[in-house]
Amino acid sequence: MSAAFYYGQDIPIDELKAFNIVVIQPQANFKPQKLQTVNTHVFAYISVGEVIDPKTVPSDWILGTNKNWNS
């Protein structure tokens, strides 16, 4: 079993078909059907631990900041 994580915008479909599991970011506006095959399964990466705009969540949920990721 092999896996690839791709966080860019231009999805390299042919290259990623070599992997069994491919994780992409939802912001790529990519249709998973273009990559999904019998041997390749596509998943979306969604962070439940980081928020870019802290105003979007209750302040008591925020435990800290990550300056390296600006989140």
C-alpha atoms as a PDB file:
ATOM      1  CA  MET A   1       0.000   0.000   0.000  1.00  0.00           C
ATOM      2  CA  SER A   2       1.317   3.446  -0.899  1.00  0.00           C
ATOM      3  CA  ALA A   3       0.087   6.946  -0.098  1.00  0.00           C
ATOM      4  CA  ALA A   4       0.690  10.454  -1.404  1.00  0.00           C
ATOM      5  CA  PHE A   5      -0.222  13.809   0.113  1.00  0.00           C
ATOM      6  CA  TYR A   6      -0.496  16.634  -2.393  1.00  0.00           C
ATOM      7  CA  TYR A   7      -1.321  20.163  -1.269  1.00  0.00           C
ATOM      8  CA  GLY A   8      -0.814  22.058  -4.521  1.00  0.00           C
ATOM      9  CA  GLN A   9      -3.344  23.464  -6.977  1.00  0.00           C
ATOM     10  CA  ASP A  10      -2.310  21.719 -10.198  1.00  0.00           C
ATOM     11  CA  ILE A  11      -2.947  18.051  -9.464  1.00  0.00           C
ATOM     12  CA  PRO A  12      -0.459  15.799 -11.337  1.00  0.00           C
ATOM     13  CA  ILE A  13      -3.015  13.118 -12.183  1.00  0.00           C
ATOM     14  CA  ASP A  14      -0.747  10.706 -14.053  1.00  0.00           C
ATOM     15  CA  GLU A  15       1.919  10.759 -11.343  1.00  0.00           C
ATOM     16  CA  LEU A  16      -0.551  10.305  -8.495  1.00  0.00           C
ATOM     17  CA  LYS A  17      -2.189   7.275 -10.141  1.00  0.00           C
ATOM     18  CA  ALA A  18       0.871   5.338  -8.967  1.00  0.00           C
ATOM     19  CA  PHE A  19      -0.420   5.543  -5.370  1.00  0.00           C
ATOM     20  CA  ASN A  20      -3.183   3.576  -3.637  1.00  0.00           C
ATOM     21  CA  ILE A  21      -4.240   6.493  -1.443  1.00  0.00           C
ATOM     22  CA  VAL A  22      -4.048  10.138  -2.478  1.00  0.00           C
ATOM     23  CA  VAL A  23      -4.854  12.992  -0.106  1.00  0.00           C
ATOM     24  CA  ILE A  24      -5.489  16.430  -1.605  1.00  0.00           C
ATOM     25  CA  GLN A  25      -6.674  19.727  -0.160  1.00  0.00           C
ATOM     26  CA  PRO A  26     -10.288  20.740  -0.893  1.00  0.00           C
ATOM     27  CA  GLN A  27      -9.139  24.207  -2.027  1.00  0.00           C
ATOM     28  CA  ALA A  28      -7.651  22.603  -5.148  1.00  0.00           C
ATOM     29  CA  ASN A  29     -11.168  22.543  -6.658  1.00  0.00           C
ATOM     30  CA  PHE A  30     -10.410  19.124  -8.070  1.00  0.00           C
ATOM     31  CA  LYS A  31     -12.959  16.497  -9.068  1.00  0.00           C
ATOM     32  CA  PRO A  32     -11.790  13.243  -7.414  1.00  0.00           C
ATOM     33  CA  GLN A  33     -13.359  11.199 -10.215  1.00  0.00           C
ATOM     34  CA  LYS A  34     -10.499  12.317 -12.490  1.00  0.00           C
ATOM     35  CA  LEU A  35      -8.034  10.418 -10.309  1.00  0.00           C
ATOM     36  CA  GLN A  36     -10.136   7.761  -8.553  1.00  0.00           C
ATOM     37  CA  THR A  37      -9.529   4.279  -9.989  1.00  0.00           C
ATOM     38  CA  VAL A  38      -9.858   0.715  -8.760  1.00  0.00           C
ATOM     39  CA  ASN A  39      -6.352   1.034  -7.323  1.00  0.00           C
ATOM     40  CA  THR A  40      -6.310   4.725  -6.334  1.00  0.00           C
ATOM     41  CA  HIS A  41      -8.635   6.162  -3.696  1.00  0.00           C
ATOM     42  CA  VAL A  42      -8.833   9.930  -3.223  1.00  0.00           C
ATOM     43  CA  PHE A  43      -9.402  11.678   0.109  1.00  0.00           C
ATOM     44  CA  ALA A  44      -9.614  15.343   1.075  1.00  0.00           C
ATOM     45  CA  TYR A  45      -7.367  16.797   3.762  1.00  0.00           C
ATOM     46  CA  ILE A  46      -9.315  18.860   6.271  1.00  0.00           C
ATOM     47  CA  SER A  47      -7.542  20.123   9.364  1.00  0.00           C
ATOM     48  CA  VAL A  48      -9.616  19.909  12.522  1.00  0.00           C
ATOM     49  CA  GLY A  49      -6.778  21.251  14.619  1.00  0.00           C
ATOM     50  CA  GLU A  50      -5.842  24.473  12.856  1.00  0.00           C
ATOM     51  CA  VAL A  51      -7.871  27.498  11.857  1.00  0.00           C
ATOM     52  CA  ILE A  52      -6.608  30.280   9.608  1.00  0.00           C
ATOM     53  CA  ASP A  53      -9.131  32.858  10.824  1.00  0.00           C
ATOM     54  CA  PRO A  54      -9.642  32.528  14.613  1.00  0.00           C
ATOM     55  CA  LYS A  55     -12.705  34.794  14.427  1.00  0.00           C
ATOM     56  CA  THR A  56     -14.584  31.870  12.865  1.00  0.00           C
ATOM     57  CA  VAL A  57     -14.559  29.780  16.063  1.00  0.00           C
ATOM     58  CA  PRO A  58     -15.471  30.493  19.704  1.00  0.00           C
ATOM     59  CA  SER A  59     -12.508  31.999  21.581  1.00  0.00           C
ATOM     60  CA  ASP A  60     -12.634  29.337  24.326  1.00  0.00           C
ATOM     61  CA  TRP A  61     -11.867  26.668  21.692  1.00  0.00           C
ATOM     62  CA  ILE A  62      -8.502  28.240  20.837  1.00  0.00           C
ATOM     63  CA  LEU A  63      -5.606  26.696  22.714  1.00  0.00           C
ATOM     64  CA  GLY A  64      -2.796  28.616  21.045  1.00  0.00           C
ATOM     65  CA  THR A  65      -1.302  29.801  17.792  1.00  0.00           C
ATOM     66  CA  ASN A  66       1.138  28.364  15.302  1.00  0.00           C
ATOM     67  CA  LYS A  67       3.191  31.265  13.985  1.00  0.00           C
ATOM     68  CA  ASN A  68       5.001  29.027  11.464  1.00  0.00           C
ATOM     69  CA  TRP A  69       1.681  28.199   9.755  1.00  0.00           C
ATOM     70  CA  ASN A  70      -0.020  31.523  10.548  1.00  0.00           C
ATOM     71  CA  SER A  71      -2.862  29.626  12.192  1.00  0.00           C
END
